[in-house]
Every structure is written in C-alpha cells, then in structure tokens.
Amino acid sequence: MRNGLMAAGLVLAVTLVSGAHGNPRFDYLLHCGGCHLEDGSGDPPEVPDLRVDVSYMIGFDAGRAYLVQVPGSAQSPMSDAALADVLNWMVDTYNPELEGDFERFDEEEVARHRATRLLDPKRARAALWPEPTDSD
C-alpha cells in the first residue's frame, strides 16, 4: 500500500512539474498566477494587468514575442504547445471580447520566440508600451 501511494505521489509530482496534465487554467495558476494573480490583475506597473495589457500585446509581433519571452513563460517547464494553450487561455479568459478575433498562439510561434531570451523584461516592456500622453 505504501509503495502504491508513493508511486501515485511521484506520478502526480511529475505531472505537475512537466505540465503534462493539459489544463491551461491549471498551468496558468501554477506558472503565472503567483505574479499575475488568479484574476489576471497583476500589480501594475510592476506586474502587468492581463485584463488590460494582453489585448494590446497580441496585436503586433514584438508584443506577442514579449508574452512568450517573459521569464515566467519562457523558463517554465511547460512544452511549447502547453505554453501556447496557456497564452490562448489568457486571451480568452481575460479579454473575452476578443474571442475568435485574434491570431491564436501555436507551438511553432512559441518555439520561435522562446529561442530568444529576454534579459530585462521591464526595459523590454517599456519599449513596447506607448508613452503616456496628456490625454491618458
């Protein structure tokens, strides 16, 4: 009995670490939710609010690359396909008005962007976000 419980625990641990369970919400909570919180609100300006910023970032290649390259994404143990699923889940969940109206992430795009490390996420984000204007 004890060996069976230990084996089950080991399988569960490997599944959690590898992201092999195939549940994007669970992967988000495990790998992203610590900073961006369960509701995606983050802690602006240090941690972007996914409910606001993701809809902007998915509109251009450098923004899409940024979403893949931030350390929580790029350095997670998720496969490229699982990370693509999480990114699509984030858009669907936190920006439901975009449902079906954006180019979905796929494994190939994630692999391409993940190959380049983002050394300074804050600096990269500052370069991608438009400067505030007097009307903002």
N, C-alpha and C. Protein backbone atom coordinates (compact mmCIF):
# COMPACT_ATOMS: atom_id res chain seq x y z
N MET A 1 0.82 -1.20 0.00
CA MET A 1 0.00 0.00 0.00
C MET A 1 0.86 1.26 0.00
N ARG A 2 1.88 1.27 0.86
CA ARG A 2 2.74 2.44 0.97
C ARG A 2 3.47 2.70 -0.35
N ASN A 3 3.96 1.64 -1.01
CA ASN A 3 4.64 1.81 -2.30
C ASN A 3 3.68 2.37 -3.35
N GLY A 4 2.43 1.92 -3.30
CA GLY A 4 1.43 2.43 -4.24
C GLY A 4 1.17 3.92 -4.04
N LEU A 5 1.10 4.36 -2.80
CA LEU A 5 0.90 5.78 -2.51
C LEU A 5 2.11 6.60 -2.94
N MET A 6 3.29 6.07 -2.69
CA MET A 6 4.50 6.79 -3.10
C MET A 6 4.56 6.89 -4.62
N ALA A 7 4.21 5.84 -5.32
CA ALA A 7 4.21 5.86 -6.79
C ALA A 7 3.19 6.85 -7.31
N ALA A 8 2.00 6.87 -6.70
CA ALA A 8 0.97 7.83 -7.12
C ALA A 8 1.43 9.26 -6.87
N GLY A 9 2.07 9.49 -5.74
CA GLY A 9 2.60 10.83 -5.44
C GLY A 9 3.67 11.24 -6.42
N LEU A 10 4.53 10.31 -6.81
CA LEU A 10 5.57 10.60 -7.77
C LEU A 10 4.98 10.93 -9.14
N VAL A 11 3.98 10.18 -9.56
CA VAL A 11 3.31 10.46 -10.84
C VAL A 11 2.67 11.83 -10.80
N LEU A 12 2.00 12.17 -9.70
CA LEU A 12 1.37 13.47 -9.56
C LEU A 12 2.41 14.59 -9.61
N ALA A 13 3.52 14.42 -8.90
CA ALA A 13 4.57 15.44 -8.89
C ALA A 13 5.16 15.64 -10.28
N VAL A 14 5.44 14.57 -10.99
CA VAL A 14 5.99 14.68 -12.34
C VAL A 14 4.98 15.36 -13.26
N THR A 15 3.72 15.01 -13.13
CA THR A 15 2.68 15.63 -13.94
C THR A 15 2.60 17.12 -13.68
N LEU A 16 2.63 17.52 -12.42
CA LEU A 16 2.55 18.94 -12.08
C LEU A 16 3.74 19.71 -12.60
N VAL A 17 4.93 19.17 -12.44
CA VAL A 17 6.13 19.86 -12.88
C VAL A 17 6.24 19.90 -14.39
N SER A 18 5.85 18.86 -15.07
CA SER A 18 6.02 18.80 -16.52
C SER A 18 4.91 19.49 -17.28
N GLY A 19 3.81 19.80 -16.61
CA GLY A 19 2.69 20.41 -17.31
C GLY A 19 1.97 19.42 -18.21
N ALA A 20 2.16 18.15 -17.96
CA ALA A 20 1.61 17.11 -18.83
C ALA A 20 0.10 16.93 -18.67
N HIS A 21 -0.50 17.63 -17.75
CA HIS A 21 -1.92 17.44 -17.48
C HIS A 21 -2.81 18.08 -18.53
N GLY A 22 -2.31 19.03 -19.31
CA GLY A 22 -3.07 19.58 -20.41
C GLY A 22 -4.21 20.50 -20.00
N ASN A 23 -4.12 21.13 -18.85
CA ASN A 23 -5.15 22.05 -18.40
C ASN A 23 -4.56 23.46 -18.36
N PRO A 24 -4.87 24.31 -19.35
CA PRO A 24 -4.27 25.64 -19.40
C PRO A 24 -4.54 26.50 -18.16
N ARG A 25 -5.73 26.39 -17.59
CA ARG A 25 -6.03 27.17 -16.39
C ARG A 25 -5.11 26.74 -15.24
N PHE A 26 -4.94 25.44 -15.08
CA PHE A 26 -4.06 24.94 -14.03
C PHE A 26 -2.62 25.39 -14.28
N ASP A 27 -2.16 25.29 -15.54
CA ASP A 27 -0.80 25.73 -15.87
C ASP A 27 -0.64 27.22 -15.59
N TYR A 28 -1.66 28.02 -15.92
CA TYR A 28 -1.60 29.45 -15.63
C TYR A 28 -1.44 29.67 -14.12
N LEU A 29 -2.29 29.02 -13.33
CA LEU A 29 -2.23 29.21 -11.88
C LEU A 29 -0.88 28.77 -11.33
N LEU A 30 -0.34 27.70 -11.85
CA LEU A 30 0.93 27.16 -11.36
C LEU A 30 2.12 28.03 -11.77
N HIS A 31 2.14 28.51 -13.01
CA HIS A 31 3.32 29.18 -13.54
C HIS A 31 3.20 30.69 -13.68
N CYS A 32 1.99 31.23 -13.68
CA CYS A 32 1.78 32.66 -13.93
C CYS A 32 1.02 33.35 -12.80
N GLY A 33 0.13 32.62 -12.16
CA GLY A 33 -0.77 33.20 -11.18
C GLY A 33 -0.09 33.77 -9.95
N GLY A 34 1.11 33.33 -9.65
CA GLY A 34 1.81 33.87 -8.49
C GLY A 34 2.07 35.36 -8.62
N CYS A 35 2.34 35.82 -9.81
CA CYS A 35 2.58 37.25 -10.05
C CYS A 35 1.34 37.95 -10.60
N HIS A 36 0.66 37.31 -11.56
CA HIS A 36 -0.47 37.96 -12.23
C HIS A 36 -1.79 37.73 -11.51
N LEU A 37 -1.77 36.92 -10.48
CA LEU A 37 -2.93 36.60 -9.64
C LEU A 37 -3.98 35.81 -10.42
N GLU A 38 -4.87 35.20 -9.68
CA GLU A 38 -5.87 34.33 -10.28
C GLU A 38 -6.76 35.08 -11.27
N ASP A 39 -7.05 36.34 -10.96
CA ASP A 39 -7.95 37.11 -11.82
C ASP A 39 -7.22 37.88 -12.92
N GLY A 40 -5.89 37.72 -13.03
CA GLY A 40 -5.12 38.39 -14.07
C GLY A 40 -4.77 39.83 -13.78
N SER A 41 -5.16 40.35 -12.62
CA SER A 41 -4.98 41.77 -12.32
C SER A 41 -3.54 42.19 -12.09
N GLY A 42 -2.67 41.27 -11.74
CA GLY A 42 -1.26 41.60 -11.52
C GLY A 42 -1.09 42.64 -10.43
N ASP A 43 -0.06 43.47 -10.58
CA ASP A 43 0.25 44.55 -9.64
C ASP A 43 0.91 45.67 -10.43
N PRO A 44 0.12 46.35 -11.28
CA PRO A 44 0.69 47.41 -12.13
C PRO A 44 1.36 48.49 -11.29
N PRO A 45 2.42 49.11 -11.74
CA PRO A 45 3.04 48.90 -13.06
C PRO A 45 4.08 47.79 -13.08
N GLU A 46 4.42 47.25 -11.92
CA GLU A 46 5.46 46.21 -11.88
C GLU A 46 5.04 44.93 -12.59
N VAL A 47 3.84 44.47 -12.33
CA VAL A 47 3.32 43.25 -12.95
C VAL A 47 2.08 43.64 -13.74
N PRO A 48 2.15 43.54 -15.06
CA PRO A 48 1.03 44.00 -15.90
C PRO A 48 -0.30 43.31 -15.59
N ASP A 49 -1.35 44.08 -15.79
CA ASP A 49 -2.72 43.59 -15.65
C ASP A 49 -3.09 42.91 -16.96
N LEU A 50 -3.23 41.61 -16.95
CA LEU A 50 -3.52 40.85 -18.17
C LEU A 50 -4.88 41.20 -18.75
N ARG A 51 -5.77 41.69 -17.93
CA ARG A 51 -7.11 42.05 -18.41
C ARG A 51 -7.07 43.29 -19.30
N VAL A 52 -6.00 44.05 -19.20
CA VAL A 52 -5.86 45.28 -19.97
C VAL A 52 -4.77 45.13 -21.03
N ASP A 53 -3.62 44.63 -20.63
CA ASP A 53 -2.43 44.69 -21.47
C ASP A 53 -2.33 43.60 -22.54
N VAL A 54 -2.89 42.44 -22.29
CA VAL A 54 -2.75 41.35 -23.26
C VAL A 54 -3.42 41.70 -24.59
N SER A 55 -4.56 42.35 -24.55
CA SER A 55 -5.24 42.67 -25.80
C SER A 55 -4.41 43.61 -26.66
N TYR A 56 -3.62 44.46 -26.05
CA TYR A 56 -2.70 45.33 -26.79
C TYR A 56 -1.53 44.52 -27.34
N MET A 57 -0.93 43.70 -26.47
CA MET A 57 0.30 42.99 -26.83
C MET A 57 0.12 41.95 -27.94
N ILE A 58 -1.03 41.36 -28.06
CA ILE A 58 -1.20 40.33 -29.09
C ILE A 58 -1.39 40.92 -30.47
N GLY A 59 -1.45 42.26 -30.56
CA GLY A 59 -1.72 42.90 -31.83
C GLY A 59 -0.51 43.11 -32.73
N PHE A 60 0.70 42.82 -32.24
CA PHE A 60 1.90 43.00 -33.06
C PHE A 60 2.96 41.99 -32.64
N ASP A 61 3.84 41.65 -33.59
CA ASP A 61 4.79 40.55 -33.38
C ASP A 61 5.68 40.75 -32.15
N ALA A 62 6.21 41.94 -31.96
CA ALA A 62 7.10 42.16 -30.80
C ALA A 62 6.34 41.99 -29.49
N GLY A 63 5.07 42.37 -29.46
CA GLY A 63 4.26 42.18 -28.26
C GLY A 63 3.98 40.71 -28.00
N ARG A 64 3.68 39.97 -29.07
CA ARG A 64 3.45 38.53 -28.93
C ARG A 64 4.73 37.85 -28.46
N ALA A 65 5.87 38.26 -29.02
CA ALA A 65 7.16 37.70 -28.60
C ALA A 65 7.39 37.96 -27.11
N TYR A 66 7.09 39.17 -26.67
CA TYR A 66 7.27 39.53 -25.27
C TYR A 66 6.48 38.59 -24.35
N LEU A 67 5.24 38.31 -24.71
CA LEU A 67 4.41 37.43 -23.88
C LEU A 67 5.01 36.03 -23.74
N VAL A 68 5.69 35.59 -24.78
CA VAL A 68 6.34 34.27 -24.74
C VAL A 68 7.66 34.34 -23.99
N GLN A 69 8.37 35.46 -24.11
CA GLN A 69 9.73 35.56 -23.61
C GLN A 69 9.86 35.99 -22.16
N VAL A 70 8.80 36.51 -21.54
CA VAL A 70 8.93 36.89 -20.13
C VAL A 70 9.36 35.64 -19.36
N PRO A 71 10.16 35.83 -18.32
CA PRO A 71 10.71 34.65 -17.62
C PRO A 71 9.68 33.63 -17.18
N GLY A 72 8.54 34.05 -16.69
CA GLY A 72 7.53 33.09 -16.24
C GLY A 72 7.04 32.20 -17.35
N SER A 73 7.03 32.70 -18.57
CA SER A 73 6.63 31.90 -19.73
C SER A 73 7.81 31.10 -20.25
N ALA A 74 8.86 31.81 -20.65
CA ALA A 74 9.98 31.18 -21.34
C ALA A 74 10.70 30.15 -20.48
N GLN A 75 10.77 30.39 -19.19
CA GLN A 75 11.54 29.49 -18.32
C GLN A 75 10.67 28.47 -17.59
N SER A 76 9.40 28.45 -17.90
CA SER A 76 8.54 27.45 -17.26
C SER A 76 8.84 26.07 -17.86
N PRO A 77 8.53 25.02 -17.14
CA PRO A 77 8.77 23.68 -17.67
C PRO A 77 7.70 23.22 -18.66
N MET A 78 6.76 24.10 -19.00
CA MET A 78 5.72 23.73 -19.96
C MET A 78 6.32 23.52 -21.35
N SER A 79 5.73 22.62 -22.10
CA SER A 79 6.13 22.46 -23.50
C SER A 79 5.68 23.68 -24.28
N ASP A 80 6.20 23.84 -25.49
CA ASP A 80 5.79 24.96 -26.33
C ASP A 80 4.29 24.90 -26.62
N ALA A 81 3.76 23.72 -26.84
CA ALA A 81 2.33 23.56 -27.10
C ALA A 81 1.51 23.94 -25.87
N ALA A 82 1.95 23.53 -24.69
CA ALA A 82 1.23 23.86 -23.46
C ALA A 82 1.27 25.36 -23.20
N LEU A 83 2.42 26.00 -23.46
CA LEU A 83 2.51 27.44 -23.27
C LEU A 83 1.60 28.17 -24.25
N ALA A 84 1.54 27.71 -25.48
CA ALA A 84 0.60 28.30 -26.46
C ALA A 84 -0.83 28.19 -25.94
N ASP A 85 -1.18 27.05 -25.37
CA ASP A 85 -2.52 26.86 -24.82
C ASP A 85 -2.78 27.84 -23.67
N VAL A 86 -1.79 28.06 -22.82
CA VAL A 86 -1.95 28.99 -21.70
C VAL A 86 -2.13 30.42 -22.22
N LEU A 87 -1.32 30.82 -23.18
CA LEU A 87 -1.44 32.17 -23.73
C LEU A 87 -2.82 32.38 -24.36
N ASN A 88 -3.29 31.40 -25.11
CA ASN A 88 -4.63 31.49 -25.71
C ASN A 88 -5.71 31.52 -24.63
N TRP A 89 -5.53 30.72 -23.58
CA TRP A 89 -6.48 30.71 -22.47
C TRP A 89 -6.52 32.08 -21.80
N MET A 90 -5.34 32.71 -21.63
CA MET A 90 -5.29 34.04 -21.02
C MET A 90 -6.09 35.05 -21.85
N VAL A 91 -5.92 35.02 -23.16
CA VAL A 91 -6.66 35.96 -24.00
C VAL A 91 -8.16 35.67 -23.89
N ASP A 92 -8.53 34.40 -24.02
CA ASP A 92 -9.95 34.03 -23.96
C ASP A 92 -10.58 34.40 -22.61
N THR A 93 -9.83 34.23 -21.53
CA THR A 93 -10.36 34.43 -20.19
C THR A 93 -10.38 35.89 -19.78
N TYR A 94 -9.27 36.59 -20.01
CA TYR A 94 -9.15 37.96 -19.52
C TYR A 94 -9.53 39.01 -20.55
N ASN A 95 -9.75 38.60 -21.78
CA ASN A 95 -10.16 39.52 -22.84
C ASN A 95 -11.24 38.86 -23.68
N PRO A 96 -12.37 38.47 -23.07
CA PRO A 96 -13.38 37.69 -23.79
C PRO A 96 -13.97 38.40 -25.01
N GLU A 97 -13.86 39.73 -25.05
CA GLU A 97 -14.37 40.45 -26.21
C GLU A 97 -13.58 40.13 -27.48
N LEU A 98 -12.40 39.55 -27.33
CA LEU A 98 -11.57 39.20 -28.48
C LEU A 98 -11.82 37.78 -28.98
N GLU A 99 -12.71 37.05 -28.34
CA GLU A 99 -12.92 35.65 -28.67
C GLU A 99 -13.04 35.45 -30.18
N GLY A 100 -12.11 34.68 -30.71
CA GLY A 100 -12.11 34.37 -32.14
C GLY A 100 -11.61 35.50 -33.02
N ASP A 101 -11.28 36.65 -32.42
CA ASP A 101 -10.88 37.81 -33.21
C ASP A 101 -9.39 38.15 -33.00
N PHE A 102 -8.58 37.12 -32.84
CA PHE A 102 -7.14 37.33 -32.73
C PHE A 102 -6.44 36.09 -33.27
N GLU A 103 -5.19 36.28 -33.67
CA GLU A 103 -4.41 35.14 -34.15
C GLU A 103 -3.95 34.34 -32.95
N ARG A 104 -4.41 33.10 -32.87
CA ARG A 104 -4.08 32.26 -31.73
C ARG A 104 -2.61 31.87 -31.77
N PHE A 105 -2.02 31.73 -30.60
CA PHE A 105 -0.65 31.24 -30.49
C PHE A 105 -0.62 29.78 -30.86
N ASP A 106 0.46 29.34 -31.49
CA ASP A 106 0.64 27.91 -31.75
C ASP A 106 2.04 27.50 -31.31
N GLU A 107 2.27 26.22 -31.32
CA GLU A 107 3.53 25.66 -30.83
C GLU A 107 4.73 26.23 -31.58
N GLU A 108 4.62 26.40 -32.88
CA GLU A 108 5.75 26.89 -33.68
C GLU A 108 6.10 28.33 -33.32
N GLU A 109 5.09 29.18 -33.17
CA GLU A 109 5.35 30.57 -32.80
C GLU A 109 6.02 30.64 -31.43
N VAL A 110 5.50 29.88 -30.49
CA VAL A 110 6.08 29.87 -29.14
C VAL A 110 7.54 29.40 -29.20
N ALA A 111 7.81 28.34 -29.92
CA ALA A 111 9.19 27.83 -30.03
C ALA A 111 10.10 28.88 -30.64
N ARG A 112 9.64 29.57 -31.65
CA ARG A 112 10.45 30.60 -32.32
C ARG A 112 10.79 31.73 -31.36
N HIS A 113 9.80 32.23 -30.64
CA HIS A 113 10.06 33.35 -29.71
C HIS A 113 10.80 32.90 -28.46
N ARG A 114 10.57 31.69 -28.03
CA ARG A 114 11.21 31.18 -26.82
C ARG A 114 12.71 30.99 -27.02
N ALA A 115 13.14 30.88 -28.26
CA ALA A 115 14.56 30.66 -28.56
C ALA A 115 15.40 31.89 -28.22
N THR A 116 14.76 33.06 -28.08
CA THR A 116 15.47 34.29 -27.73
C THR A 116 15.15 34.65 -26.29
N ARG A 117 16.20 34.78 -25.48
CA ARG A 117 15.98 35.11 -24.06
C ARG A 117 15.74 36.60 -23.89
N LEU A 118 14.83 36.93 -23.01
CA LEU A 118 14.52 38.30 -22.65
C LEU A 118 15.29 38.60 -21.37
N LEU A 119 16.35 39.41 -21.47
CA LEU A 119 17.22 39.63 -20.33
C LEU A 119 16.69 40.68 -19.35
N ASP A 120 15.93 41.65 -19.85
CA ASP A 120 15.41 42.70 -18.99
C ASP A 120 13.94 42.95 -19.33
N PRO A 121 13.03 42.19 -18.71
CA PRO A 121 11.61 42.31 -19.05
C PRO A 121 11.05 43.73 -18.86
N LYS A 122 11.48 44.43 -17.81
CA LYS A 122 10.96 45.78 -17.57
C LYS A 122 11.37 46.73 -18.69
N ARG A 123 12.60 46.65 -19.11
CA ARG A 123 13.07 47.52 -20.19
C ARG A 123 12.37 47.16 -21.51
N ALA A 124 12.22 45.87 -21.77
CA ALA A 124 11.54 45.45 -23.00
C ALA A 124 10.09 45.90 -22.99
N ARG A 125 9.43 45.79 -21.85
CA ARG A 125 8.03 46.21 -21.74
C ARG A 125 7.92 47.72 -21.95
N ALA A 126 8.84 48.49 -21.37
CA ALA A 126 8.81 49.95 -21.53
C ALA A 126 8.97 50.34 -22.99
N ALA A 127 9.75 49.57 -23.74
CA ALA A 127 9.95 49.86 -25.16
C ALA A 127 8.70 49.53 -25.99
N LEU A 128 7.89 48.62 -25.51
CA LEU A 128 6.71 48.17 -26.26
C LEU A 128 5.44 48.95 -25.94
N TRP A 129 5.32 49.45 -24.72
CA TRP A 129 4.13 50.18 -24.32
C TRP A 129 4.24 51.60 -24.84
N PRO A 130 3.17 52.16 -25.38
CA PRO A 130 3.22 53.55 -25.84
C PRO A 130 3.42 54.50 -24.66
N GLU A 131 4.11 55.59 -24.94
CA GLU A 131 4.33 56.60 -23.90
C GLU A 131 2.99 57.22 -23.53
N PRO A 132 2.77 57.46 -22.24
CA PRO A 132 1.54 58.15 -21.85
C PRO A 132 1.50 59.56 -22.42
N THR A 133 0.32 60.00 -22.76
CA THR A 133 0.14 61.36 -23.26
C THR A 133 -0.67 62.16 -22.25
N ASP A 134 -0.80 63.44 -22.47
CA ASP A 134 -1.58 64.27 -21.55
C ASP A 134 -3.03 63.83 -21.48
N SER A 135 -3.52 63.18 -22.54
CA SER A 135 -4.92 62.76 -22.54
C SER A 135 -5.13 61.42 -21.85
N ASP A 136 -4.04 60.72 -21.50
CA ASP A 136 -4.18 59.42 -20.84
C ASP A 136 -4.48 59.57 -19.37
